[in-house]
Protein backbone atom coordinates (compact mmCIF):
# COMPACT_ATOMS: atom_id res chain seq x y z
CA UNK A 1 -0.05 -0.28 -0.05
CA UNK A 2 1.58 3.48 -1.11
CA UNK A 3 1.57 6.51 0.95
CA UNK A 4 -1.37 8.36 -0.54
CA UNK A 5 -1.41 11.77 -1.53
CA UNK A 6 -2.97 14.63 0.20
CA UNK A 7 -6.28 14.59 -0.37
CA UNK A 8 -6.96 10.92 0.88
CA UNK A 9 -5.46 12.15 4.52
CA UNK A 10 -1.49 12.75 4.12
CA UNK A 11 0.20 9.42 4.55
CA UNK A 12 -2.62 8.52 7.54
CA UNK A 13 -5.20 5.68 6.86
CA UNK A 14 -7.10 4.14 9.77
CA UNK A 15 -8.23 0.68 8.59
CA UNK A 16 -10.69 -1.50 10.02
CA UNK A 17 -12.04 -1.02 13.27
CA UNK A 18 -10.57 2.62 14.79
CA UNK A 19 -7.78 2.46 17.51
CA UNK A 20 -8.49 3.82 20.55
CA UNK A 21 -7.19 7.58 20.84
CA UNK A 22 -4.38 7.17 23.12
CA UNK A 23 -2.72 4.22 21.37
CA UNK A 24 0.89 5.38 20.37
CA UNK A 25 1.65 7.04 16.76
CA UNK A 26 4.58 5.93 14.78
CA UNK A 27 6.04 9.11 14.07
CA UNK A 28 8.11 9.87 10.76
CA UNK A 29 10.38 12.57 9.83
CA UNK A 30 11.34 13.30 6.69
CA UNK A 31 12.95 16.40 4.66
CA UNK A 32 15.82 18.00 2.53
CA UNK A 33 19.43 16.94 3.61
CA UNK A 34 20.45 19.69 6.40
CA UNK A 35 16.94 20.81 7.48
CA UNK A 36 17.80 19.66 11.10
CA UNK A 37 15.51 16.21 11.37
CA UNK A 38 18.15 14.98 13.98
CA UNK A 39 18.76 17.63 15.86
CA UNK A 40 14.65 18.57 16.06
CA UNK A 41 14.22 14.65 16.85
CA UNK A 42 16.53 14.97 19.81
CA UNK A 43 15.23 18.31 21.27
CA UNK A 44 11.62 16.83 20.90
CA UNK A 45 12.54 14.17 23.21
CA UNK A 46 13.55 16.17 25.83
CA UNK A 47 10.90 19.22 25.83
CA UNK A 48 8.16 16.38 25.81
CA UNK A 49 9.94 14.65 28.54
CA UNK A 50 10.32 17.71 30.46
CA UNK A 51 6.56 18.96 30.07
CA UNK A 52 5.23 15.46 30.83
CA UNK A 53 4.25 15.24 27.68
CA UNK A 54 4.02 11.88 25.06
CA UNK A 55 6.08 9.77 25.83
CA UNK A 56 8.69 9.58 22.58
CA UNK A 57 11.66 6.96 21.58
CA UNK A 58 13.99 7.66 18.68
CA UNK A 59 14.58 4.18 16.78
CA UNK A 60 17.51 4.28 14.88
CA UNK A 61 17.55 2.83 11.18
CA UNK A 62 20.42 1.00 9.39
CA UNK A 63 21.65 2.65 6.52
CA UNK A 64 24.56 1.29 4.04
CA UNK A 65 25.09 4.64 2.56
CA UNK A 66 28.75 6.40 3.12
CA UNK A 67 29.03 8.46 6.10
CA UNK A 68 28.79 12.29 6.21
CA UNK A 69 30.99 14.65 7.51
CA UNK A 70 29.60 15.56 11.64
CA UNK A 71 27.99 12.50 11.66
CA UNK A 72 28.44 9.29 13.89
CA UNK A 73 27.23 5.96 12.44
CA UNK A 74 28.30 2.78 14.49
CA UNK A 75 28.65 -0.28 13.02
CA UNK A 76 25.98 -3.43 12.32
CA UNK A 77 28.03 -5.56 14.26
CA UNK A 78 28.34 -3.48 17.20
CA UNK A 79 24.89 -3.17 17.64
CA UNK A 80 24.53 -5.00 20.96
CA UNK A 81 26.55 -2.01 22.59
CA UNK A 82 23.99 0.51 21.82
CA UNK A 83 22.21 0.87 25.06
CA UNK A 84 25.69 1.19 26.71
CA UNK A 85 26.77 4.29 24.31
CA UNK A 86 23.30 5.99 24.67
CA UNK A 87 24.28 5.94 28.60
CA UNK A 88 27.52 7.33 27.86
CA UNK A 89 25.85 9.89 26.27
CA UNK A 90 27.36 9.38 22.88
CA UNK A 91 25.72 10.38 19.95
CA UNK A 92 24.48 8.11 17.58
CA UNK A 93 23.30 9.10 14.17
CA UNK A 94 22.11 5.45 12.78
CA UNK A 95 23.22 1.91 12.12
CA UNK A 96 26.04 1.46 9.35
CA UNK A 97 25.46 -2.01 7.08
CA UNK A 98 28.81 -2.29 5.26
CA UNK A 99 27.89 -4.95 2.79
CA UNK A 100 24.92 -6.90 0.54
CA UNK A 101 25.63 -10.36 2.74
CA UNK A 102 25.24 -8.68 6.27
CA UNK A 103 21.91 -6.67 4.96
CA UNK A 104 20.47 -10.49 4.10
CA UNK A 105 21.77 -11.45 7.35
CA UNK A 106 20.06 -8.85 9.33
CA UNK A 107 17.01 -9.43 7.21
CA UNK A 108 17.27 -13.30 7.82
CA UNK A 109 17.66 -12.97 11.83
CA UNK A 110 14.51 -10.80 11.95
CA UNK A 111 16.76 -7.33 12.71
CA UNK A 112 15.56 -5.70 9.96
CA UNK A 113 11.82 -5.64 9.36
CA UNK A 114 11.31 -3.46 6.71
CA UNK A 115 14.07 -3.40 4.01
CA UNK A 116 13.73 -0.73 1.25
CA UNK A 117 16.26 0.62 -1.15
CA UNK A 118 16.12 4.29 -1.59
CA UNK A 119 18.83 5.93 -4.29
CA UNK A 120 20.61 3.40 -4.93
CA UNK A 121 21.39 2.47 -1.74
CA UNK A 122 20.04 -0.27 1.19
CA UNK A 123 17.79 1.04 4.25
CA UNK A 124 16.09 -0.97 7.32
CA UNK A 125 13.89 -0.37 9.86
CA UNK A 126 14.21 -2.68 12.69
CA UNK A 127 11.05 -4.22 14.64
CA UNK A 128 11.50 -3.26 17.95
CA UNK A 129 9.18 -0.16 16.93
CA UNK A 130 6.08 -2.83 17.57
CA UNK A 131 7.68 -3.69 20.76
CA UNK A 132 7.89 -0.08 21.94
CA UNK A 133 4.26 0.32 20.58
CA UNK A 134 2.99 -2.46 21.93
CA UNK A 135 4.74 -2.85 25.62
CA UNK A 136 4.86 0.41 26.99
CA UNK A 137 2.63 2.80 25.01
CA UNK A 138 5.63 4.82 23.60
CA UNK A 139 5.30 6.55 20.55
CA UNK A 140 8.46 5.34 17.98
CA UNK A 141 9.96 8.28 15.76
CA UNK A 142 12.29 7.58 12.74
CA UNK A 143 14.57 9.71 10.52
CA UNK A 144 13.38 8.16 7.31
CA UNK A 145 12.67 9.08 3.69
CA UNK A 146 9.99 8.81 1.15
CA UNK A 147 10.89 5.30 0.07
CA UNK A 148 11.02 4.23 3.75
CA UNK A 149 7.63 5.82 4.59
CA UNK A 150 5.76 3.54 1.60
CA UNK A 151 7.56 0.32 2.66
CA UNK A 152 6.56 1.49 6.42
CA UNK A 153 2.89 2.00 5.29
CA UNK A 154 3.03 -1.57 3.81
CA UNK A 155 4.45 -3.20 6.82
CA UNK A 156 2.12 -1.43 9.48
CA UNK A 157 -0.52 -2.18 7.43
CA UNK A 158 0.22 -5.97 7.26
CA UNK A 159 0.27 -6.08 10.66
CA UNK A 160 -2.72 -5.02 11.23
CA UNK A 161 -1.73 -1.84 13.52
CA UNK A 162 -4.33 0.71 11.97
CA UNK A 163 -1.38 2.63 10.34
CA UNK A 164 -0.96 4.75 12.92
CA UNK A 165 1.22 6.77 10.80
CA UNK A 166 2.05 10.28 11.78
CA UNK A 167 4.40 11.58 8.66
CA UNK A 168 6.07 14.88 8.92
CA UNK A 169 8.16 16.87 6.63
CA UNK A 170 10.83 19.00 8.11
CA UNK A 171 12.14 21.53 5.83
CA UNK A 172 14.12 24.56 5.13
CA UNK A 173 14.47 27.13 2.48
CA UNK A 174 17.59 26.59 -0.33
CA UNK A 175 19.41 29.21 0.69
CA UNK A 176 19.13 27.92 4.62
CA UNK A 177 20.07 24.50 3.55
CA UNK A 178 23.45 26.01 1.41
CA UNK A 179 24.35 28.07 4.72
CA UNK A 180 24.11 24.88 6.98
CA UNK A 181 26.06 22.95 4.38
CA UNK A 182 28.76 25.69 4.37
CA UNK A 183 29.13 25.66 8.20
CA UNK A 184 28.92 21.97 8.70
CA UNK A 185 32.34 21.66 6.15
CA UNK A 186 33.59 25.04 7.34
CA UNK A 187 36.88 22.77 8.78
CA UNK A 188 36.94 20.54 6.18
CA UNK A 189 38.99 20.22 3.27
CA UNK A 190 35.97 18.16 1.48
CA UNK A 191 34.55 20.99 -0.77
CA UNK A 192 33.53 18.67 -3.20
CA UNK A 193 31.80 16.65 -0.85
CA UNK A 194 30.44 20.22 0.59
CA UNK A 195 28.80 21.27 -3.26
CA UNK A 196 27.32 17.87 -3.70
CA UNK A 197 25.14 17.86 -0.88
CA UNK A 198 24.49 21.45 -1.79
CA UNK A 199 23.02 20.48 -5.29
CA UNK A 200 21.56 17.48 -3.28
CA UNK A 201 19.95 19.70 -0.97
CA UNK A 202 18.01 21.73 -3.07
CA UNK A 203 17.05 18.82 -5.53
CA UNK A 204 15.41 17.25 -2.31
CA UNK A 205 13.37 20.39 -1.39
CA UNK A 206 12.31 21.09 -4.97
CA UNK A 207 11.03 17.49 -5.10
CA UNK A 208 9.40 17.13 -2.01
CA UNK A 209 7.77 21.05 -2.75
CA UNK A 210 6.76 19.60 -6.05
CA UNK A 211 4.88 16.85 -4.27
CA UNK A 212 2.49 19.99 -2.43
CA UNK A 213 0.27 18.38 0.59
CA UNK A 214 1.82 14.45 0.55
CA UNK A 215 2.83 14.72 4.02
CA UNK A 216 0.16 14.86 6.69
CA UNK A 217 2.64 18.02 8.93
CA UNK A 218 4.72 20.62 7.54
CA UNK A 219 7.02 22.56 9.76
CA UNK A 220 9.60 25.23 8.35
CA UNK A 221 12.83 24.53 11.09
CA UNK A 222 14.31 27.95 10.56
CA UNK A 223 16.04 31.12 12.35
CA UNK A 224 13.23 33.25 13.97
CA UNK A 225 14.18 36.87 14.22
CA UNK A 226 14.93 37.77 17.89
CA UNK A 227 15.55 34.38 18.89
CA UNK A 228 19.01 32.08 18.98
CA UNK A 229 19.41 29.74 16.86
CA UNK A 230 18.34 26.60 20.20
CA UNK A 231 15.82 29.08 21.03
CA UNK A 232 14.28 29.13 17.19
CA UNK A 233 14.28 25.12 17.39
CA UNK A 234 12.69 24.97 20.80
CA UNK A 235 10.00 26.86 19.09
CA UNK A 236 9.50 24.89 16.87
CA UNK A 237 9.67 21.81 18.67
CA UNK A 238 7.06 23.52 20.79
CA UNK A 239 4.55 24.15 17.55
CA UNK A 240 5.45 19.86 16.85
CA UNK A 241 3.92 19.07 20.38
CA UNK A 242 0.87 20.80 20.11
CA UNK A 243 -0.04 19.24 16.77
CA UNK A 244 0.78 15.77 18.56
CA UNK A 245 -1.40 16.72 21.79
CA UNK A 246 -4.25 17.64 19.30
CA UNK A 247 -3.84 14.46 17.31
CA UNK A 248 -4.18 12.38 20.51
CA UNK A 249 -7.87 14.35 21.29
CA UNK A 250 -8.91 15.10 17.30
CA UNK A 251 -8.16 11.53 15.36
CA UNK A 252 -9.49 12.62 12.15
CA UNK A 253 -7.41 10.58 9.34
CA UNK A 254 -8.01 13.30 6.69
CA UNK A 255 -5.28 16.14 7.03
CA UNK A 256 -7.29 19.02 6.00
CA UNK A 257 -9.61 17.57 8.84
CA UNK A 258 -7.16 18.10 11.09
CA UNK A 259 -6.18 21.89 10.26
CA UNK A 260 -9.65 22.73 10.17
CA UNK A 261 -10.17 21.15 13.87
CA UNK A 262 -6.91 23.39 14.66
CA UNK A 263 -8.39 26.37 13.74
CA UNK A 264 -12.02 25.43 15.69
CA UNK A 265 -9.80 25.06 18.57
CA UNK A 266 -8.16 28.47 18.44
CA UNK A 267 -11.48 29.91 17.96
CA UNK A 268 -13.60 28.65 20.84
CA UNK A 269 -10.41 29.78 22.79
CA UNK A 270 -10.26 33.27 21.37
CA UNK A 271 -14.05 33.80 20.56
CA UNK A 272 -16.19 31.47 23.05
CA UNK A 273 -17.73 29.77 19.90
CA UNK A 274 -17.46 27.76 16.85
CA UNK A 275 -16.22 29.05 13.52
CA UNK A 276 -19.56 29.21 12.10
CA UNK A 277 -20.46 32.00 15.23
CA UNK A 278 -17.16 33.21 14.01
CA UNK A 279 -17.65 33.65 10.49
CA UNK A 280 -21.42 35.27 11.67
CA UNK A 281 -19.76 38.03 14.31
CA UNK A 282 -17.35 38.42 11.11
CA UNK A 283 -20.14 39.19 9.01
CA UNK A 284 -22.79 41.28 11.30
CA UNK A 285 -20.69 44.27 10.99
CA UNK A 286 -20.56 44.69 14.62
CA UNK A 287 -17.23 45.04 16.68
CA UNK A 288 -15.29 42.18 17.41
CA UNK A 289 -13.75 41.54 20.34
CA UNK A 290 -11.94 38.86 22.37
CA UNK A 291 -12.21 38.23 26.56
CA UNK A 292 -9.75 36.74 28.27
CA UNK A 293 -11.20 34.53 30.65
CA UNK A 294 -11.01 35.29 34.60
CA UNK A 295 -9.09 32.91 35.70
CA UNK A 296 -6.36 32.85 32.95
CA UNK A 297 -5.79 36.47 34.14
CA UNK A 298 -5.85 35.09 37.73
CA UNK A 299 -3.07 32.87 37.38
CA UNK A 300 -0.76 35.02 35.32
CA UNK A 301 -1.45 37.72 37.70
CA UNK A 302 0.00 35.07 40.70
CA UNK A 303 2.93 33.73 38.83
CA UNK A 304 4.21 37.44 37.80
CA UNK A 305 3.16 38.80 40.46
CA UNK A 306 1.58 41.69 38.80
CA UNK A 307 -1.45 43.31 40.49
CA UNK A 308 -4.50 42.27 39.36
CA UNK A 309 -5.88 45.90 39.28
CA UNK A 310 -3.52 46.73 36.50
CA UNK A 311 -4.77 44.59 33.74
CA UNK A 312 -7.42 47.29 33.22
CA UNK A 313 -8.74 46.67 29.59
CA UNK A 314 -6.22 43.92 28.20
CA UNK A 315 -9.06 41.95 29.14
CA UNK A 316 -11.19 43.20 26.49
CA UNK A 317 -9.56 43.75 22.93
CA UNK A 318 -10.80 45.08 19.96
CA UNK A 319 -9.88 42.98 16.74
CA UNK A 320 -9.11 45.29 13.85
CA UNK A 321 -8.52 42.69 10.89
CA UNK A 322 -9.04 38.49 11.24
CA UNK A 323 -8.34 36.18 8.71
CA UNK A 324 -9.08 32.09 8.52
CA UNK A 325 -7.84 29.86 6.23
CA UNK A 326 -6.18 26.57 5.22
CA UNK A 327 -5.25 26.03 9.11
CA UNK A 328 -4.25 29.34 9.88
CA UNK A 329 -6.02 32.19 11.63
CA UNK A 330 -4.01 35.49 12.19
CA UNK A 331 -5.42 38.34 14.28
CA UNK A 332 -4.49 42.29 14.35
CA UNK A 333 -5.81 43.51 17.65
CA UNK A 334 -6.28 47.52 17.98
CA UNK A 335 -3.15 49.35 18.86
CA UNK A 336 -1.28 49.61 22.55
CA UNK A 337 0.21 52.89 23.61
CA UNK A 338 2.45 50.92 25.88
CA UNK A 339 5.05 48.17 25.02
CA UNK A 340 4.53 46.34 28.75
CA UNK A 341 1.17 45.97 28.48
CA UNK A 342 1.17 44.59 24.94
CA UNK A 343 3.58 41.94 26.00
CA UNK A 344 1.43 41.02 28.99
CA UNK A 345 -1.52 40.81 26.45
CA UNK A 346 0.38 38.48 23.70
CA UNK A 347 1.37 36.40 26.99
CA UNK A 348 -2.41 36.12 27.88
CA UNK A 349 -3.54 35.32 24.46
CA UNK A 350 -0.91 32.33 24.23
CA UNK A 351 -2.16 31.15 27.93
CA UNK A 352 -5.88 31.42 26.47
CA UNK A 353 -5.46 29.64 23.62
CA UNK A 354 -2.71 27.05 24.75
CA UNK A 355 -0.93 26.55 21.38
CA UNK A 356 2.23 28.35 20.49
CA UNK A 357 2.24 30.46 17.72
CA UNK A 358 3.70 30.53 14.88
CA UNK A 359 6.63 33.04 15.91
CA UNK A 360 6.94 35.37 18.71
CA UNK A 361 9.38 38.19 18.56
CA UNK A 362 10.27 40.93 17.82
CA UNK A 363 8.98 44.26 17.65
CA UNK A 364 9.15 45.19 13.95
CA UNK A 365 9.01 48.09 11.38
CA UNK A 366 5.38 47.53 9.30
CA UNK A 367 6.65 45.74 5.93
CA UNK A 368 10.44 45.84 6.65
CA UNK A 369 10.86 42.13 7.18
CA UNK A 370 9.43 38.87 6.39
CA UNK A 371 9.04 37.24 9.46
CA UNK A 372 5.93 39.13 10.24
CA UNK A 373 3.62 36.36 11.16
CA UNK A 374 3.41 35.56 14.99
CA UNK A 375 5.51 38.91 15.74
CA UNK A 376 4.59 41.73 17.39
CA UNK A 377 4.47 44.67 14.95
CA UNK A 378 5.67 48.41 15.10
CA UNK A 379 3.15 50.33 13.15
CA UNK A 380 4.92 53.03 11.35
CA UNK A 381 2.59 55.63 11.82
CA UNK A 382 3.31 57.02 14.63
CA UNK A 383 4.76 54.58 17.20
CA UNK A 384 1.05 52.69 17.74
CA UNK A 385 1.82 49.41 18.64
CA UNK A 386 -0.04 46.76 16.67
CA UNK A 387 -0.28 43.09 18.96
CA UNK A 388 -0.89 40.52 15.57
CA UNK A 389 -0.59 36.85 16.37
CA UNK A 390 -1.10 33.81 13.83
CA UNK A 391 -1.67 30.32 14.97
CA UNK A 392 -0.25 28.06 12.01
CA UNK A 393 -1.15 24.28 12.08
CA UNK A 394 1.59 23.71 9.43
CA UNK A 395 3.89 25.51 7.55
CA UNK A 396 2.66 25.06 3.78
CA UNK A 397 6.14 24.03 1.66
CA UNK A 398 3.87 24.97 -1.50
CA UNK A 399 0.98 27.32 -0.65
CA UNK A 400 -2.11 26.30 -1.89
CA UNK A 401 -3.31 27.77 -5.60
CA UNK A 402 -5.99 29.32 -3.85
CA UNK A 403 -4.19 31.15 -1.96
CA UNK A 404 -3.93 33.58 -5.15
CA UNK A 405 -7.68 34.63 -4.22
CA UNK A 406 -7.82 34.29 -0.54
CA UNK A 407 -4.24 35.57 0.55
CA UNK A 408 -3.71 34.51 4.06
CA UNK A 409 -2.07 37.80 5.44
CA UNK A 410 -2.83 41.63 6.50
CA UNK A 411 -1.04 44.76 4.82
CA UNK A 412 -0.10 46.85 7.39
CA UNK A 413 0.76 49.81 5.83
CA UNK A 414 -3.09 49.87 4.91
CA UNK A 415 -4.52 50.15 8.49
CA UNK A 416 -6.82 52.96 8.41
CA UNK A 417 -7.16 54.44 12.25
CA UNK A 418 -11.04 55.64 12.21
CA UNK A 419 -13.64 54.45 14.00
CA UNK A 420 -13.81 51.27 12.06
CA UNK A 421 -10.46 50.37 11.25
CA UNK A 422 -9.98 48.21 7.81
CA UNK A 423 -6.94 46.10 6.42
CA UNK A 424 -6.91 45.68 2.85
CA UNK A 425 -5.88 41.96 1.44
CA UNK A 426 -2.30 41.63 0.03
CA UNK A 427 -1.69 40.71 -3.25
CA UNK A 428 -0.34 36.92 -3.61
CA UNK A 429 2.89 38.40 -4.52
CA UNK A 430 3.51 40.00 -1.38
CA UNK A 431 2.38 37.19 0.27
CA UNK A 432 4.99 34.98 -0.68
CA UNK A 433 7.71 37.47 -0.22
CA UNK A 434 6.32 37.79 2.93
CA UNK A 435 6.02 34.65 4.20
CA UNK A 436 9.56 33.18 2.55
CA UNK A 437 8.09 31.37 -0.46
CA UNK A 438 9.73 31.35 -3.18
């Protein structure tokens, strides 16, 4: 059974009787070379454990390919030593297979349960991931490629596991991929290998981009304005954890169904109703306001040791503009005149919704940078501090064609400060520029 296209559920197809919602997922990460999959996976395990989130375990896969600069594989003959190596804190990227004979032996012994080929090399997934699923309810995670996902899907369905696979595409732009590879090889003289992988990473990016919505979840692993690389990675990991937690509650087999449910969850927290009520409010012509619950304010005031009476009008705020489409909801609120109040307000919004916005820093002059989604924006018309947040269930590597007619963004220099402020939508080209779509 091949992994489907996006319209059929993006690699996630419950079959037969539905599994319990608390049954673990099989989480597969893939993406271009140097997109940061391994670093993200390790950070995901640590943050989830610290937060009491889903139980996660990385499953090392077998690879016949050559070792790359910066990698640390172990030979297949030493697999019995893996627990000891990990106990010592040793980095292990994969298990290296040295020959056809060794590969066949691992299959015959049942150590490799999911053999497959990719780019002319032999790969394999160990059957131990099934034990992880069935014995202790942990979610096994792999770093694989599209050929591996196809093979894994066929195996999981054949074993009657209901195909609880959640495929994640982790990507970076071609310029970001090149920069990371140059940094990785800066102390090496192997420039031929560096340029080969730069070309390969671009090919992989274009391949994933041309396939469109072929994975259930997509995240842009990038540097975020105002955050250092470690903080940027943690921010992306927190967004992925939000998705994993929602998956256990929503259970929609279709990717677009999940994205709609994500936005509905945000709407219910922000506006206290369903997407239908939200649409009626928008069409009604009355002012749209959000109201932060009293209990959220009280907990925040206690945690931050802030006088409860200082919140004033922060609890109720007029919405100047909002867009809801394609699993993304953006909201621009009426301006603040005090930076400290603005920061508190945005913190309260995040706590009210309970999800991580697409990005979180810094103050930016309108339309001066592409890093606007989910940031705090500094208006260019005299210093109004306009809070702007975007909650995104995914980062589409290729925006849907309909974005041209339903652009999901706001033109900040088009704000009209009147009794009824309005925002004109931006054209498709401007949207692509602001969100780094090439």
